[in-house]
């Protein structure tokens, strides 16, 4: 399967970066925006000046707000925010029969507790799902800086074909058949990145940040295993790799949101202009963890923070006052 016509749905920074990855001679890449003015501006300037300035759009990329090209695509990359995925699928016309869909947002649907592949299966049955996840900032990918990610699908052959179709010298997708593990790693790390951002904003120091990453990863591992993910997937690019990146840079919207809270900003101000997926994911992650008997104190603290039930200082005190326990066996 050559994937000669690829539709990238979502023209934010990440969608634009992935369009540059997919572009190559002989292939048509449709970069879809819901805003006709934005699509027209990108087509004219050959640049997404709002979301990814300074990155030229390859000639193979066709920015559009039209649905006309979607039915002809033989591969669809869905790059819309996790909490908007269901509404986007409901609003779009049908894809071609059996066309694979690559889910590029990281989150768990609020209310339903569904992973993105489960939302796709509910709204667009018959389309094989893959997920693309890993330690990757849109600016790095768009500018051709070396990046490695994971493409996962229940059908390992599909994952391999998608990875090969997107591979470039500076963009290295590994392939896997643990779709659930890759999705869980990408969703949970957003919540933990908020916690690390809070610690940075409170100036707790590098030692505290390292401890939060390590204990957060232990939580991610417990939840992942209880949810059917493989341990080796969680140790890979889409789990530990993405967690380390997201928990250490203000380029991460989740980290930046948490840092703003740690600096004393109100919830509304901290979230202004930022789409931090971890805010919506935190409460549903905690609910699912409780249902599965998984202890996730860092995620619990983040869920309380984003709900306005606690303050950064009180959350820190609660974590530090937990009883001592053995580390082995996490």
Protein backbone atom coordinates (compact mmCIF):
# COMPACT_ATOMS: atom_id res chain seq x y z
CA UNK A 1 0.00 0.00 0.00
CA UNK A 2 1.76 3.14 -1.25
CA UNK A 3 -0.43 5.78 0.44
CA UNK A 4 -0.14 8.19 -2.48
CA UNK A 5 -2.95 10.47 -1.27
CA UNK A 6 -2.78 11.42 2.40
CA UNK A 7 -5.26 13.68 4.18
CA UNK A 8 -4.06 15.48 7.31
CA UNK A 9 -7.10 16.72 9.21
CA UNK A 10 -6.14 19.56 11.53
CA UNK A 11 -3.90 22.46 10.50
CA UNK A 12 -2.40 23.36 13.85
CA UNK A 13 1.33 23.13 14.51
CA UNK A 14 1.37 19.34 14.82
CA UNK A 15 -0.84 18.75 11.79
CA UNK A 16 1.31 21.08 9.71
CA UNK A 17 4.50 19.37 10.89
CA UNK A 18 3.10 15.94 10.02
CA UNK A 19 2.08 17.21 6.59
CA UNK A 20 5.71 18.19 5.97
CA UNK A 21 6.73 14.68 7.02
CA UNK A 22 4.22 13.07 4.66
CA UNK A 23 5.09 15.27 1.68
CA UNK A 24 7.29 13.83 -1.06
CA UNK A 25 7.41 13.83 -4.88
CA UNK A 26 4.51 12.03 -6.47
CA UNK A 27 2.30 12.18 -3.38
CA UNK A 28 -0.59 14.55 -2.73
CA UNK A 29 -0.99 15.67 0.88
CA UNK A 30 -4.19 17.49 1.75
CA UNK A 31 -3.82 19.71 4.85
CA UNK A 32 -7.36 20.38 6.01
CA UNK A 33 -8.35 23.36 8.13
CA UNK A 34 -11.88 24.09 9.27
CA UNK A 35 -11.15 27.80 8.66
CA UNK A 36 -11.31 28.74 4.94
CA UNK A 37 -9.39 31.96 5.54
CA UNK A 38 -6.56 30.09 7.25
CA UNK A 39 -6.40 27.53 4.44
CA UNK A 40 -6.30 30.27 1.82
CA UNK A 41 -3.55 32.12 3.69
CA UNK A 42 -1.43 28.96 3.92
CA UNK A 43 -1.93 28.22 0.24
CA UNK A 44 -0.89 31.76 -0.68
CA UNK A 45 2.10 32.13 1.67
CA UNK A 46 3.18 28.45 1.57
CA UNK A 47 3.55 28.67 5.33
CA UNK A 48 1.39 28.26 8.41
CA UNK A 49 2.35 31.62 9.89
CA UNK A 50 -0.04 31.28 12.82
CA UNK A 51 0.91 27.86 14.15
CA UNK A 52 4.29 26.94 12.63
CA UNK A 53 5.98 30.08 11.30
CA UNK A 54 9.20 29.74 9.37
CA UNK A 55 8.46 26.27 8.00
CA UNK A 56 7.81 26.25 4.26
CA UNK A 57 5.01 24.04 2.99
CA UNK A 58 6.23 21.55 0.42
CA UNK A 59 4.71 21.82 -3.05
CA UNK A 60 3.04 18.43 -2.45
CA UNK A 61 0.93 19.93 0.37
CA UNK A 62 -2.48 21.33 -0.59
CA UNK A 63 -4.05 23.46 2.18
CA UNK A 64 -7.83 23.43 1.98
CA UNK A 65 -11.03 23.84 3.96
CA UNK A 66 -12.95 21.72 1.46
CA UNK A 67 -14.09 18.17 2.08
CA UNK A 68 -13.74 17.23 -1.59
CA UNK A 69 -10.36 15.50 -1.29
CA UNK A 70 -11.16 13.42 1.78
CA UNK A 71 -12.99 10.62 0.01
CA UNK A 72 -10.01 10.08 -2.32
CA UNK A 73 -7.41 9.76 0.47
CA UNK A 74 -5.90 6.33 1.02
CA UNK A 75 -4.57 7.31 4.46
CA UNK A 76 -6.05 9.80 6.95
CA UNK A 77 -4.09 11.46 9.76
CA UNK A 78 -6.46 12.85 12.40
CA UNK A 79 -4.65 15.70 14.15
CA UNK A 80 -7.48 17.35 16.08
CA UNK A 81 -7.58 17.74 19.88
CA UNK A 82 -8.65 14.62 21.72
CA UNK A 83 -11.77 16.16 23.21
CA UNK A 84 -12.91 17.37 19.76
CA UNK A 85 -12.36 14.09 17.94
CA UNK A 86 -15.93 12.80 18.21
CA UNK A 87 -17.47 16.06 17.00
CA UNK A 88 -14.98 16.29 14.14
CA UNK A 89 -15.75 12.76 12.98
CA UNK A 90 -19.47 13.48 13.14
CA UNK A 91 -19.06 16.64 11.05
CA UNK A 92 -16.85 15.19 8.31
CA UNK A 93 -18.09 13.29 5.25
CA UNK A 94 -17.23 9.58 4.94
CA UNK A 95 -13.68 8.49 4.26
CA UNK A 96 -13.02 5.94 1.54
CA UNK A 97 -14.06 2.36 2.40
CA UNK A 98 -11.60 0.71 4.77
CA UNK A 99 -9.12 3.60 4.67
CA UNK A 100 -6.73 3.44 7.67
CA UNK A 101 -6.87 6.32 10.13
CA UNK A 102 -3.83 7.43 12.14
CA UNK A 103 -4.75 9.08 15.45
CA UNK A 104 -2.25 11.80 16.32
CA UNK A 105 -3.86 13.39 19.41
CA UNK A 106 -3.10 12.15 22.91
CA UNK A 107 -5.91 11.90 25.42
CA UNK A 108 -8.83 10.03 26.93
CA UNK A 109 -12.32 11.24 26.09
CA UNK A 110 -13.89 13.00 29.06
CA UNK A 111 -17.13 11.44 30.22
CA UNK A 112 -16.85 8.19 28.27
CA UNK A 113 -13.30 7.23 29.30
CA UNK A 114 -12.64 6.03 25.75
CA UNK A 115 -9.26 6.06 24.06
CA UNK A 116 -9.08 7.78 20.68
CA UNK A 117 -9.13 4.46 18.79
CA UNK A 118 -12.31 3.54 20.64
CA UNK A 119 -13.94 6.84 19.70
CA UNK A 120 -12.99 6.17 16.08
CA UNK A 121 -14.45 2.67 16.22
CA UNK A 122 -17.70 4.03 17.67
CA UNK A 123 -18.14 6.82 15.11
CA UNK A 124 -16.41 5.39 12.01
CA UNK A 125 -16.51 1.58 12.17
CA UNK A 126 -14.66 -0.26 9.46
CA UNK A 127 -11.58 1.99 9.44
CA UNK A 128 -8.42 0.35 10.84
CA UNK A 129 -6.89 2.52 13.56
CA UNK A 130 -3.26 3.36 14.16
CA UNK A 131 -1.74 5.80 16.65
CA UNK A 132 1.32 7.98 16.20
CA UNK A 133 2.95 9.05 19.45
CA UNK A 134 6.33 9.75 20.97
CA UNK A 135 8.71 12.49 22.10
CA UNK A 136 8.15 15.05 19.37
CA UNK A 137 7.63 18.80 19.30
CA UNK A 138 6.02 20.19 16.17
CA UNK A 139 8.74 22.81 15.72
CA UNK A 140 11.47 20.15 15.73
CA UNK A 141 9.63 17.91 13.27
CA UNK A 142 8.69 20.78 10.96
CA UNK A 143 12.28 22.04 10.83
CA UNK A 144 13.69 18.59 10.10
CA UNK A 145 15.41 18.01 13.43
CA UNK A 146 16.01 14.34 14.31
CA UNK A 147 12.91 12.82 15.90
CA UNK A 148 11.78 9.27 16.67
CA UNK A 149 8.17 8.21 17.33
CA UNK A 150 6.10 5.04 17.47
CA UNK A 151 3.31 4.05 15.09
CA UNK A 152 1.10 1.34 16.59
CA UNK A 153 -1.86 -0.64 15.32
CA UNK A 154 -3.45 -3.90 16.35
CA UNK A 155 -2.44 -5.07 12.88
CA UNK A 156 1.34 -4.97 13.05
CA UNK A 157 1.55 -5.02 9.26
CA UNK A 158 -0.49 -1.84 9.03
CA UNK A 159 1.72 -0.17 11.63
CA UNK A 160 4.80 -1.10 9.62
CA UNK A 161 3.32 0.22 6.36
CA UNK A 162 2.32 3.54 7.93
CA UNK A 163 5.74 3.89 9.56
CA UNK A 164 7.46 3.24 6.25
CA UNK A 165 5.20 5.72 4.46
CA UNK A 166 6.04 8.52 6.91
CA UNK A 167 9.73 7.77 7.42
CA UNK A 168 12.30 10.37 6.42
CA UNK A 169 16.01 10.69 7.25
CA UNK A 170 15.30 12.93 10.26
CA UNK A 171 11.93 11.42 11.17
CA UNK A 172 12.17 7.82 12.33
CA UNK A 173 8.90 6.03 13.13
CA UNK A 174 9.21 2.67 14.85
CA UNK A 175 6.24 0.31 14.52
CA UNK A 176 4.42 -1.78 17.11
CA UNK A 177 1.21 -3.75 17.56
CA UNK A 178 0.42 -2.53 21.10
CA UNK A 179 -2.09 0.15 20.15
CA UNK A 180 -3.54 0.38 23.65
CA UNK A 181 -0.13 0.81 25.26
CA UNK A 182 0.89 3.61 22.91
CA UNK A 183 -2.39 5.46 23.46
CA UNK A 184 -2.24 5.12 27.24
CA UNK A 185 1.35 6.37 27.41
CA UNK A 186 0.53 9.44 25.34
CA UNK A 187 -2.56 10.30 27.37
CA UNK A 188 -1.18 9.75 30.87
CA UNK A 189 2.07 11.62 30.33
CA UNK A 190 0.14 14.85 29.65
CA UNK A 191 -1.28 14.72 33.18
CA UNK A 192 2.11 14.05 34.72
CA UNK A 193 3.66 16.89 32.71
CA UNK A 194 1.30 19.32 34.44
CA UNK A 195 2.66 18.14 37.80
CA UNK A 196 6.24 18.68 36.65
CA UNK A 197 5.34 22.12 35.39
CA UNK A 198 3.87 23.01 38.78
CA UNK A 199 7.11 21.90 40.45
CA UNK A 200 9.11 24.08 38.06
CA UNK A 201 6.86 27.07 38.69
CA UNK A 202 7.25 26.62 42.44
CA UNK A 203 11.04 26.42 41.94
CA UNK A 204 11.27 23.12 43.80
CA UNK A 205 14.54 22.25 42.08
CA UNK A 206 15.89 19.61 39.73
CA UNK A 207 15.81 16.89 42.38
CA UNK A 208 12.07 17.29 42.90
CA UNK A 209 11.48 17.27 39.15
CA UNK A 210 13.45 14.05 38.74
CA UNK A 211 11.50 12.43 41.58
CA UNK A 212 8.19 13.49 40.03
CA UNK A 213 9.15 12.03 36.66
CA UNK A 214 10.22 8.75 38.24
CA UNK A 215 7.18 8.42 40.49
CA UNK A 216 4.91 9.60 37.71
CA UNK A 217 6.30 6.95 35.43
CA UNK A 218 5.63 4.34 38.12
CA UNK A 219 1.99 5.49 38.13
CA UNK A 220 1.82 5.36 34.34
CA UNK A 221 3.22 1.83 34.45
CA UNK A 222 0.71 0.63 37.02
CA UNK A 223 -2.21 2.09 35.12
CA UNK A 224 -0.96 0.83 31.79
CA UNK A 225 -0.48 -2.74 32.98
CA UNK A 226 -3.91 -2.73 34.62
CA UNK A 227 -5.37 -1.54 31.30
CA UNK A 228 -3.76 -4.18 29.13
CA UNK A 229 -0.68 -2.31 27.92
CA UNK A 230 2.67 -4.06 27.59
CA UNK A 231 5.48 -3.06 29.92
CA UNK A 232 7.97 -2.76 27.04
CA UNK A 233 5.67 -0.31 25.24
CA UNK A 234 5.49 1.91 28.32
CA UNK A 235 9.30 1.84 28.56
CA UNK A 236 9.60 2.97 24.93
CA UNK A 237 9.29 6.17 22.95
CA UNK A 238 5.54 6.60 23.44
CA UNK A 239 5.76 6.12 27.21
CA UNK A 240 8.97 6.97 29.02
CA UNK A 241 10.44 8.86 26.06
CA UNK A 242 7.46 11.16 25.67
CA UNK A 243 7.17 11.61 29.44
CA UNK A 244 10.78 12.81 29.75
CA UNK A 245 10.38 15.31 26.90
CA UNK A 246 7.02 16.67 28.03
CA UNK A 247 8.05 17.03 31.66
CA UNK A 248 11.09 19.16 30.97
CA UNK A 249 10.27 21.91 28.49
CA UNK A 250 8.00 24.94 28.23
CA UNK A 251 7.42 23.90 24.61
CA UNK A 252 5.03 21.40 26.16
CA UNK A 253 1.65 23.05 26.62
CA UNK A 254 0.90 20.80 29.58
CA UNK A 255 4.18 21.65 31.28
CA UNK A 256 3.67 25.36 30.54
CA UNK A 257 0.15 25.23 31.98
CA UNK A 258 1.41 23.57 35.18
CA UNK A 259 4.28 26.03 35.45
CA UNK A 260 1.84 28.91 35.28
CA UNK A 261 -0.15 27.36 38.14
CA UNK A 262 3.05 26.90 40.12
CA UNK A 263 3.91 30.57 39.59
CA UNK A 264 0.59 31.49 41.17
CA UNK A 265 -1.60 32.17 38.13
CA UNK A 266 -5.31 31.42 38.37
CA UNK A 267 -6.67 28.47 36.43
CA UNK A 268 -8.30 30.65 33.79
CA UNK A 269 -5.15 32.70 33.22
CA UNK A 270 -2.91 29.63 33.16
CA UNK A 271 -5.05 28.05 30.46
CA UNK A 272 -5.47 31.16 28.32
CA UNK A 273 -4.18 30.54 24.82
CA UNK A 274 -3.03 27.01 25.66
CA UNK A 275 -4.73 23.75 24.78
CA UNK A 276 -3.35 21.47 27.49
CA UNK A 277 -4.84 18.02 26.87
CA UNK A 278 -3.88 16.91 30.38
CA UNK A 279 -6.48 19.23 31.91
CA UNK A 280 -9.37 17.24 30.40
CA UNK A 281 -7.59 13.90 30.76
CA UNK A 282 -6.71 14.19 34.48
CA UNK A 283 -10.17 13.63 35.98
CA UNK A 284 -11.08 10.75 33.66
CA UNK A 285 -7.67 9.13 34.18
CA UNK A 286 -8.15 9.26 37.93
CA UNK A 287 -11.66 7.83 37.63
CA UNK A 288 -10.46 4.94 35.51
CA UNK A 289 -7.54 4.32 37.88
CA UNK A 290 -9.89 4.06 40.84
CA UNK A 291 -12.15 1.67 38.95
CA UNK A 292 -9.13 -0.52 38.19
CA UNK A 293 -7.72 -0.33 41.70
CA UNK A 294 -4.60 1.61 40.65
CA UNK A 295 -2.94 4.07 43.02
CA UNK A 296 -2.05 7.33 41.19
CA UNK A 297 -1.35 10.03 43.79
CA UNK A 298 0.39 12.44 41.39
CA UNK A 299 -2.46 12.22 38.92
CA UNK A 300 -4.93 12.65 41.79
CA UNK A 301 -3.15 15.84 42.81
CA UNK A 302 -3.29 17.19 39.24
CA UNK A 303 -6.99 16.34 38.94
CA UNK A 304 -7.68 18.24 42.16
CA UNK A 305 -5.63 21.19 40.94
CA UNK A 306 -7.37 21.55 37.59
CA UNK A 307 -10.76 21.22 39.30
CA UNK A 308 -9.86 24.06 41.67
CA UNK A 309 -10.18 21.83 44.74
CA UNK A 310 -6.64 22.43 45.95
CA UNK A 311 -3.64 24.71 45.53
CA UNK A 312 -0.12 23.84 44.40
CA UNK A 313 1.20 24.21 47.95
CA UNK A 314 -1.53 22.04 49.43
CA UNK A 315 -1.06 19.40 46.73
CA UNK A 316 2.67 19.32 47.47
CA UNK A 317 2.02 18.94 51.21
CA UNK A 318 -0.38 16.06 50.52
CA UNK A 319 2.18 14.23 48.39
CA UNK A 320 5.01 14.76 50.86
CA UNK A 321 2.92 13.56 53.80
CA UNK A 322 2.10 10.19 52.23
CA UNK A 323 3.34 7.22 54.27
CA UNK A 324 6.74 5.79 53.39
CA UNK A 325 6.62 2.65 51.27
CA UNK A 326 8.89 0.22 49.49
CA UNK A 327 9.82 1.23 45.96
CA UNK A 328 10.32 -2.30 44.65
CA UNK A 329 7.33 -3.89 42.97
CA UNK A 330 5.99 -0.69 41.37
